[in-house]
Amino acid sequence: METIELKEIQSVLPYFLKHKTVWSSYDSEADVLYLHFKKPNHADNSEMTEDEIIVRYENKEIIGMTILNASQRK
């Protein structure tokens, strides 16, 4: 299990390093974690991954992620 988590962290690490600052907010009622790599941002496209993460794009660049059911993830 730890190997999978490490791979997940490694896959998003480049976005954190590229943007230097990451804004986050958590909606406990909806159990949704929002990550923003750019502010202001205006997504022009998005896609949902198999593990219920919405990746938001602006001009084909990832500008944020919305993580559904955030508290249930290990």
Protein backbone atom coordinates (compact mmCIF):
# COMPACT_ATOMS: atom_id res chain seq x y z
CA MET A 1 0.00 0.00 0.00
CA GLU A 2 2.77 2.47 0.81
CA THR A 3 4.34 1.98 -2.63
CA ILE A 4 1.08 2.99 -4.31
CA GLU A 5 0.82 6.11 -2.17
CA LEU A 6 4.41 7.05 -2.97
CA LYS A 7 3.74 6.68 -6.70
CA GLU A 8 0.66 8.90 -6.35
CA ILE A 9 2.69 11.58 -4.59
CA GLN A 10 5.47 11.35 -7.17
CA SER A 11 2.96 11.79 -10.00
CA VAL A 12 1.69 15.15 -8.68
CA LEU A 13 4.99 16.43 -7.30
CA PRO A 14 6.07 18.08 -10.59
CA TYR A 15 2.99 20.33 -10.50
CA PHE A 16 3.75 21.46 -6.96
CA LEU A 17 7.38 22.20 -7.84
CA LYS A 18 6.56 23.95 -11.10
CA HIS A 19 4.09 26.37 -9.56
CA LYS A 20 5.90 26.95 -6.25
CA THR A 21 2.66 27.96 -4.56
CA VAL A 22 -0.37 25.73 -4.26
CA TRP A 23 -3.67 26.90 -2.82
CA SER A 24 -5.99 24.40 -1.23
CA SER A 25 -9.37 24.35 0.38
CA TYR A 26 -11.45 21.57 1.85
CA ASP A 27 -15.25 21.40 1.92
CA SER A 28 -16.00 19.02 4.81
CA GLU A 29 -19.73 18.91 4.06
CA ALA A 30 -19.12 17.73 0.48
CA ASP A 31 -15.85 15.93 1.40
CA VAL A 32 -14.03 17.58 -1.49
CA LEU A 33 -10.44 18.85 -1.55
CA TYR A 34 -9.62 21.57 -4.06
CA LEU A 35 -6.04 22.20 -5.21
CA HIS A 36 -5.18 25.23 -7.33
CA PHE A 37 -1.79 25.56 -9.02
CA LYS A 38 -2.56 28.99 -10.49
CA LYS A 39 -4.66 31.94 -9.37
CA PRO A 40 -6.70 33.28 -10.89
CA ASN A 41 -7.51 30.26 -13.02
CA HIS A 42 -10.10 29.75 -15.66
CA ALA A 43 -10.39 26.12 -16.66
CA ASP A 44 -11.35 25.52 -20.25
CA ASN A 45 -11.37 21.73 -19.96
CA SER A 46 -11.45 19.01 -17.32
CA GLU A 47 -11.45 15.26 -17.02
CA MET A 48 -12.29 12.79 -14.26
CA THR A 49 -9.85 10.00 -13.53
CA GLU A 50 -10.90 6.47 -12.57
CA ASP A 51 -10.23 7.28 -8.90
CA GLU A 52 -12.62 10.28 -8.82
CA ILE A 53 -10.13 13.09 -9.22
CA ILE A 54 -11.13 15.91 -11.52
CA VAL A 55 -8.13 17.40 -13.30
CA ARG A 56 -8.71 20.95 -14.54
CA TYR A 57 -6.88 22.42 -17.54
CA GLU A 58 -6.30 25.87 -18.97
CA ASN A 59 -4.75 25.91 -22.43
CA LYS A 60 -3.80 22.21 -22.01
CA GLU A 61 -1.87 22.96 -18.79
CA ILE A 62 -3.02 21.43 -15.50
CA ILE A 63 -4.13 24.28 -13.25
CA GLY A 64 -5.90 22.37 -10.52
CA MET A 65 -7.40 19.22 -9.13
CA THR A 66 -10.62 18.43 -7.34
CA ILE A 67 -10.40 15.34 -5.15
CA LEU A 68 -13.77 13.80 -4.41
CA ASN A 69 -14.34 11.75 -1.23
CA ALA A 70 -11.08 13.14 0.12
CA SER A 71 -11.42 11.91 3.70
CA GLN A 72 -11.90 8.31 2.55
CA ARG A 73 -8.51 8.13 0.85
CA LYS A 74 -5.60 6.44 2.54
